[in-house]
Amino acid sequence: MDNAKESSRKDFIKMLSKSLGATIANHPILDALSGNDDVLRLNPEQQEFMLAYGKWMDENIEVIQLLKTEPGNMEHHKRMMILSDSAEEKREQLTQYMTDRNFALIYHASIQKMKDSIGE
């Protein structure tokens, strides 16, 4: 795998997971977030983004789990790079949506869900 792309992917994942900081991470509202109902609080464009992100997240979790069991499988690494490139394409839109507090809280909860799923 290209070291520059791998580094970029890692930097982007770090940015995603740390985008809200510790203050929001400990906010009590996160305990109330339960899934699809929360997405309904967003405007239609944000809902579409989060639903697409949910599909991306599910595939990302699957690939990470596959990489844990078969770290040398290049097909899994290729899929991870495609997923990373897809996330990178959405970075500008994500940055814009993160200015909305409801979106940011829901997004952060989804990141935590992904971390819990992959054991980080």
N, C-alpha and C. Protein backbone atom coordinates (compact mmCIF):
# COMPACT_ATOMS: atom_id res chain seq x y z
N MET A 1 0.84 -1.17 0.00
CA MET A 1 0.00 0.00 0.00
C MET A 1 0.89 1.24 0.00
N ASP A 2 0.53 2.24 -0.76
CA ASP A 2 1.28 3.48 -0.87
C ASP A 2 1.32 4.16 0.49
N ASN A 3 2.53 4.46 1.00
CA ASN A 3 2.68 5.06 2.32
C ASN A 3 2.01 6.41 2.43
N ALA A 4 2.05 7.22 1.38
CA ALA A 4 1.42 8.53 1.41
C ALA A 4 -0.10 8.41 1.55
N LYS A 5 -0.69 7.48 0.80
CA LYS A 5 -2.14 7.28 0.91
C LYS A 5 -2.51 6.71 2.26
N GLU A 6 -1.71 5.79 2.77
CA GLU A 6 -1.99 5.19 4.08
C GLU A 6 -1.92 6.26 5.16
N SER A 7 -0.92 7.13 5.09
CA SER A 7 -0.78 8.21 6.05
C SER A 7 -1.95 9.17 5.96
N SER A 8 -2.35 9.50 4.74
CA SER A 8 -3.49 10.38 4.53
C SER A 8 -4.76 9.77 5.10
N ARG A 9 -4.95 8.47 4.89
CA ARG A 9 -6.13 7.77 5.41
C ARG A 9 -6.14 7.82 6.93
N LYS A 10 -4.99 7.56 7.54
CA LYS A 10 -4.91 7.59 9.00
C LYS A 10 -5.18 8.99 9.53
N ASP A 11 -4.63 10.00 8.87
CA ASP A 11 -4.87 11.38 9.30
C ASP A 11 -6.34 11.73 9.20
N PHE A 12 -7.00 11.30 8.14
CA PHE A 12 -8.41 11.59 7.97
C PHE A 12 -9.24 10.89 9.03
N ILE A 13 -8.94 9.64 9.34
CA ILE A 13 -9.68 8.92 10.37
C ILE A 13 -9.47 9.59 11.73
N LYS A 14 -8.25 10.04 12.01
CA LYS A 14 -8.00 10.77 13.26
C LYS A 14 -8.82 12.05 13.30
N MET A 15 -8.88 12.76 12.16
CA MET A 15 -9.66 13.99 12.10
C MET A 15 -11.12 13.70 12.37
N LEU A 16 -11.64 12.61 11.80
CA LEU A 16 -13.04 12.26 12.01
C LEU A 16 -13.32 11.98 13.48
N SER A 17 -12.46 11.21 14.09
CA SER A 17 -12.72 10.78 15.46
C SER A 17 -12.49 11.88 16.48
N LYS A 18 -11.66 12.88 16.14
CA LYS A 18 -11.36 13.95 17.09
C LYS A 18 -12.04 15.26 16.74
N SER A 19 -12.91 15.27 15.76
CA SER A 19 -13.44 16.51 15.23
C SER A 19 -14.24 17.32 16.24
N LEU A 20 -14.79 16.70 17.25
CA LEU A 20 -15.62 17.44 18.18
C LEU A 20 -14.96 17.72 19.52
N GLY A 21 -13.91 17.01 19.83
CA GLY A 21 -13.21 17.26 21.07
C GLY A 21 -13.88 16.63 22.28
N ALA A 22 -13.19 16.70 23.40
CA ALA A 22 -13.63 16.02 24.61
C ALA A 22 -14.89 16.62 25.21
N THR A 23 -15.12 17.91 25.07
CA THR A 23 -16.30 18.53 25.68
C THR A 23 -17.57 17.92 25.16
N ILE A 24 -17.70 17.83 23.85
CA ILE A 24 -18.92 17.25 23.26
C ILE A 24 -18.94 15.75 23.47
N ALA A 25 -17.79 15.11 23.46
CA ALA A 25 -17.75 13.66 23.63
C ALA A 25 -18.39 13.23 24.94
N ASN A 26 -18.30 14.07 25.96
CA ASN A 26 -18.87 13.74 27.26
C ASN A 26 -20.24 14.36 27.48
N HIS A 27 -20.83 14.92 26.45
CA HIS A 27 -22.14 15.57 26.58
C HIS A 27 -23.22 14.54 26.85
N PRO A 28 -24.11 14.79 27.81
CA PRO A 28 -25.14 13.80 28.17
C PRO A 28 -26.13 13.49 27.05
N ILE A 29 -26.28 14.36 26.09
CA ILE A 29 -27.22 14.08 25.01
C ILE A 29 -26.82 12.85 24.22
N LEU A 30 -25.54 12.52 24.21
CA LEU A 30 -25.09 11.35 23.46
C LEU A 30 -25.74 10.07 23.99
N ASP A 31 -26.07 10.05 25.28
CA ASP A 31 -26.73 8.88 25.85
C ASP A 31 -28.11 8.68 25.24
N ALA A 32 -28.75 9.76 24.78
CA ALA A 32 -30.11 9.68 24.25
C ALA A 32 -30.13 9.31 22.76
N LEU A 33 -29.00 9.44 22.10
CA LEU A 33 -28.98 9.16 20.67
C LEU A 33 -29.12 7.66 20.44
N SER A 34 -30.11 7.31 19.61
CA SER A 34 -30.39 5.88 19.48
C SER A 34 -30.36 5.37 18.05
N GLY A 35 -30.18 6.20 17.07
CA GLY A 35 -30.12 5.67 15.71
C GLY A 35 -30.94 6.48 14.73
N ASN A 36 -31.74 5.78 13.92
CA ASN A 36 -32.43 6.40 12.80
C ASN A 36 -33.34 7.56 13.20
N ASP A 37 -33.99 7.50 14.37
CA ASP A 37 -34.85 8.59 14.79
C ASP A 37 -34.08 9.89 14.93
N ASP A 38 -32.83 9.79 15.36
CA ASP A 38 -32.00 10.97 15.52
C ASP A 38 -31.73 11.64 14.18
N VAL A 39 -31.58 10.85 13.15
CA VAL A 39 -31.30 11.38 11.82
C VAL A 39 -32.47 12.24 11.34
N LEU A 40 -33.68 11.96 11.79
CA LEU A 40 -34.85 12.73 11.37
C LEU A 40 -34.81 14.17 11.86
N ARG A 41 -33.98 14.49 12.84
CA ARG A 41 -33.84 15.86 13.33
C ARG A 41 -33.02 16.73 12.37
N LEU A 42 -32.40 16.11 11.41
CA LEU A 42 -31.56 16.84 10.46
C LEU A 42 -32.36 17.30 9.27
N ASN A 43 -31.83 18.30 8.55
CA ASN A 43 -32.50 18.72 7.32
C ASN A 43 -32.31 17.63 6.26
N PRO A 44 -33.08 17.67 5.17
CA PRO A 44 -33.03 16.58 4.18
C PRO A 44 -31.63 16.30 3.62
N GLU A 45 -30.83 17.34 3.40
CA GLU A 45 -29.49 17.13 2.86
C GLU A 45 -28.60 16.44 3.89
N GLN A 46 -28.73 16.86 5.15
CA GLN A 46 -27.94 16.23 6.21
C GLN A 46 -28.38 14.78 6.42
N GLN A 47 -29.70 14.53 6.32
CA GLN A 47 -30.21 13.16 6.44
C GLN A 47 -29.61 12.28 5.35
N GLU A 48 -29.62 12.78 4.13
CA GLU A 48 -29.07 12.02 3.01
C GLU A 48 -27.60 11.71 3.25
N PHE A 49 -26.86 12.72 3.72
CA PHE A 49 -25.44 12.54 3.99
C PHE A 49 -25.24 11.46 5.06
N MET A 50 -25.99 11.54 6.17
CA MET A 50 -25.82 10.60 7.26
C MET A 50 -26.23 9.18 6.86
N LEU A 51 -27.26 9.05 6.05
CA LEU A 51 -27.65 7.71 5.60
C LEU A 51 -26.57 7.11 4.70
N ALA A 52 -26.02 7.94 3.81
CA ALA A 52 -24.91 7.46 2.97
C ALA A 52 -23.70 7.16 3.83
N TYR A 53 -23.45 7.99 4.82
CA TYR A 53 -22.32 7.77 5.73
C TYR A 53 -22.52 6.47 6.50
N GLY A 54 -23.75 6.19 6.91
CA GLY A 54 -24.04 4.94 7.62
C GLY A 54 -23.69 3.73 6.79
N LYS A 55 -24.01 3.78 5.50
CA LYS A 55 -23.66 2.68 4.60
C LYS A 55 -22.14 2.57 4.47
N TRP A 56 -21.48 3.73 4.34
CA TRP A 56 -20.02 3.74 4.26
C TRP A 56 -19.42 3.16 5.54
N MET A 57 -19.97 3.56 6.69
CA MET A 57 -19.47 3.10 7.97
C MET A 57 -19.61 1.59 8.10
N ASP A 58 -20.75 1.04 7.70
CA ASP A 58 -20.96 -0.41 7.77
C ASP A 58 -19.92 -1.15 6.92
N GLU A 59 -19.67 -0.64 5.72
CA GLU A 59 -18.68 -1.29 4.85
C GLU A 59 -17.28 -1.13 5.44
N ASN A 60 -17.00 0.03 5.99
CA ASN A 60 -15.70 0.29 6.60
C ASN A 60 -15.46 -0.67 7.77
N ILE A 61 -16.46 -0.86 8.61
CA ILE A 61 -16.35 -1.79 9.73
C ILE A 61 -16.06 -3.20 9.22
N GLU A 62 -16.78 -3.59 8.19
CA GLU A 62 -16.58 -4.93 7.61
C GLU A 62 -15.14 -5.10 7.13
N VAL A 63 -14.62 -4.11 6.42
CA VAL A 63 -13.26 -4.21 5.88
C VAL A 63 -12.23 -4.21 7.01
N ILE A 64 -12.44 -3.39 8.01
CA ILE A 64 -11.50 -3.37 9.15
C ILE A 64 -11.47 -4.73 9.83
N GLN A 65 -12.63 -5.33 10.01
CA GLN A 65 -12.68 -6.66 10.63
C GLN A 65 -12.00 -7.69 9.75
N LEU A 66 -12.18 -7.59 8.44
CA LEU A 66 -11.50 -8.51 7.53
C LEU A 66 -9.99 -8.33 7.60
N LEU A 67 -9.54 -7.07 7.69
CA LEU A 67 -8.11 -6.80 7.78
C LEU A 67 -7.51 -7.34 9.08
N LYS A 68 -8.32 -7.34 10.13
CA LYS A 68 -7.83 -7.90 11.40
C LYS A 68 -7.59 -9.40 11.27
N THR A 69 -8.45 -10.08 10.51
CA THR A 69 -8.31 -11.53 10.38
C THR A 69 -7.35 -11.92 9.26
N GLU A 70 -7.25 -11.07 8.23
CA GLU A 70 -6.38 -11.36 7.09
C GLU A 70 -5.57 -10.11 6.73
N PRO A 71 -4.63 -9.72 7.58
CA PRO A 71 -3.91 -8.46 7.35
C PRO A 71 -3.09 -8.42 6.05
N GLY A 72 -2.75 -9.55 5.50
CA GLY A 72 -1.96 -9.57 4.28
C GLY A 72 -2.78 -9.60 3.00
N ASN A 73 -4.09 -9.61 3.11
CA ASN A 73 -4.96 -9.72 1.93
C ASN A 73 -5.02 -8.35 1.23
N MET A 74 -4.43 -8.27 0.06
CA MET A 74 -4.35 -7.00 -0.67
C MET A 74 -5.72 -6.51 -1.16
N GLU A 75 -6.65 -7.41 -1.39
CA GLU A 75 -8.00 -6.99 -1.81
C GLU A 75 -8.67 -6.19 -0.70
N HIS A 76 -8.46 -6.59 0.53
CA HIS A 76 -9.03 -5.85 1.66
C HIS A 76 -8.39 -4.46 1.75
N HIS A 77 -7.09 -4.40 1.51
CA HIS A 77 -6.39 -3.11 1.53
C HIS A 77 -6.90 -2.21 0.40
N LYS A 78 -7.15 -2.78 -0.76
CA LYS A 78 -7.68 -2.00 -1.88
C LYS A 78 -9.06 -1.44 -1.55
N ARG A 79 -9.90 -2.29 -0.93
CA ARG A 79 -11.23 -1.82 -0.53
C ARG A 79 -11.13 -0.69 0.49
N MET A 80 -10.17 -0.79 1.42
CA MET A 80 -9.98 0.25 2.42
C MET A 80 -9.57 1.56 1.76
N MET A 81 -8.72 1.49 0.76
CA MET A 81 -8.29 2.71 0.07
C MET A 81 -9.47 3.34 -0.68
N ILE A 82 -10.31 2.52 -1.29
CA ILE A 82 -11.49 3.04 -1.98
C ILE A 82 -12.41 3.73 -0.98
N LEU A 83 -12.60 3.11 0.18
CA LEU A 83 -13.44 3.71 1.21
C LEU A 83 -12.83 5.02 1.72
N SER A 84 -11.52 5.04 1.88
CA SER A 84 -10.84 6.26 2.33
C SER A 84 -10.99 7.37 1.30
N ASP A 85 -10.83 7.03 0.03
CA ASP A 85 -11.00 8.03 -1.03
C ASP A 85 -12.43 8.57 -1.04
N SER A 86 -13.40 7.70 -0.84
CA SER A 86 -14.80 8.10 -0.80
C SER A 86 -15.04 9.08 0.36
N ALA A 87 -14.47 8.79 1.52
CA ALA A 87 -14.61 9.68 2.67
C ALA A 87 -13.95 11.03 2.39
N GLU A 88 -12.80 10.99 1.77
CA GLU A 88 -12.07 12.23 1.46
C GLU A 88 -12.90 13.13 0.54
N GLU A 89 -13.62 12.53 -0.40
CA GLU A 89 -14.46 13.31 -1.32
C GLU A 89 -15.58 14.05 -0.59
N LYS A 90 -15.97 13.56 0.56
CA LYS A 90 -17.06 14.14 1.32
C LYS A 90 -16.58 15.08 2.44
N ARG A 91 -15.29 15.26 2.55
CA ARG A 91 -14.73 16.05 3.66
C ARG A 91 -15.27 17.48 3.69
N GLU A 92 -15.31 18.15 2.55
CA GLU A 92 -15.76 19.54 2.52
C GLU A 92 -17.22 19.64 2.98
N GLN A 93 -18.06 18.75 2.47
CA GLN A 93 -19.47 18.75 2.86
C GLN A 93 -19.59 18.43 4.36
N LEU A 94 -18.82 17.49 4.85
CA LEU A 94 -18.84 17.14 6.26
C LEU A 94 -18.46 18.35 7.11
N THR A 95 -17.41 19.04 6.73
CA THR A 95 -16.96 20.22 7.47
C THR A 95 -18.07 21.25 7.56
N GLN A 96 -18.77 21.45 6.47
CA GLN A 96 -19.89 22.41 6.45
C GLN A 96 -20.99 21.96 7.41
N TYR A 97 -21.37 20.69 7.36
CA TYR A 97 -22.44 20.18 8.22
C TYR A 97 -22.05 20.18 9.70
N MET A 98 -20.78 20.05 10.00
CA MET A 98 -20.34 19.99 11.39
C MET A 98 -20.58 21.30 12.13
N THR A 99 -20.88 22.37 11.42
CA THR A 99 -21.20 23.63 12.10
C THR A 99 -22.59 23.58 12.73
N ASP A 100 -23.41 22.62 12.36
CA ASP A 100 -24.73 22.42 12.95
C ASP A 100 -24.57 21.52 14.17
N ARG A 101 -24.94 22.02 15.34
CA ARG A 101 -24.72 21.28 16.59
C ARG A 101 -25.43 19.92 16.58
N ASN A 102 -26.69 19.85 16.12
CA ASN A 102 -27.41 18.58 16.07
C ASN A 102 -26.67 17.58 15.19
N PHE A 103 -26.25 18.04 14.03
CA PHE A 103 -25.51 17.16 13.13
C PHE A 103 -24.23 16.68 13.80
N ALA A 104 -23.51 17.61 14.41
CA ALA A 104 -22.23 17.26 15.03
C ALA A 104 -22.41 16.20 16.12
N LEU A 105 -23.44 16.34 16.94
CA LEU A 105 -23.69 15.36 18.00
C LEU A 105 -24.03 13.99 17.43
N ILE A 106 -24.88 13.98 16.42
CA ILE A 106 -25.27 12.72 15.79
C ILE A 106 -24.07 12.09 15.09
N TYR A 107 -23.29 12.90 14.40
CA TYR A 107 -22.11 12.40 13.72
C TYR A 107 -21.12 11.80 14.72
N HIS A 108 -20.90 12.52 15.81
CA HIS A 108 -19.97 12.03 16.82
C HIS A 108 -20.45 10.71 17.40
N ALA A 109 -21.74 10.59 17.65
CA ALA A 109 -22.29 9.33 18.17
C ALA A 109 -22.06 8.19 17.18
N SER A 110 -22.17 8.49 15.88
CA SER A 110 -21.95 7.45 14.88
C SER A 110 -20.48 7.04 14.84
N ILE A 111 -19.58 7.99 15.03
CA ILE A 111 -18.15 7.67 15.09
C ILE A 111 -17.86 6.77 16.29
N GLN A 112 -18.49 7.09 17.42
CA GLN A 112 -18.28 6.27 18.62
C GLN A 112 -18.82 4.87 18.39
N LYS A 113 -19.96 4.77 17.71
CA LYS A 113 -20.53 3.45 17.40
C LYS A 113 -19.55 2.65 16.54
N MET A 114 -18.94 3.32 15.57
CA MET A 114 -17.99 2.62 14.70
C MET A 114 -16.77 2.18 15.53
N LYS A 115 -16.26 3.04 16.40
CA LYS A 115 -15.12 2.68 17.21
C LYS A 115 -15.45 1.47 18.09
N ASP A 116 -16.64 1.49 18.69
CA ASP A 116 -17.06 0.37 19.54
C ASP A 116 -17.14 -0.92 18.74
N SER A 117 -17.61 -0.82 17.50
CA SER A 117 -17.77 -2.01 16.65
C SER A 117 -16.43 -2.64 16.26
N ILE A 118 -15.41 -1.79 16.12
CA ILE A 118 -14.12 -2.33 15.69
C ILE A 118 -13.16 -2.51 16.87
N GLY A 119 -13.63 -2.17 18.05
CA GLY A 119 -12.83 -2.43 19.26
C GLY A 119 -11.73 -1.43 19.50
N GLU A 120 -11.95 -0.18 19.17
CA GLU A 120 -10.93 0.85 19.45
C GLU A 120 -11.34 1.67 20.64
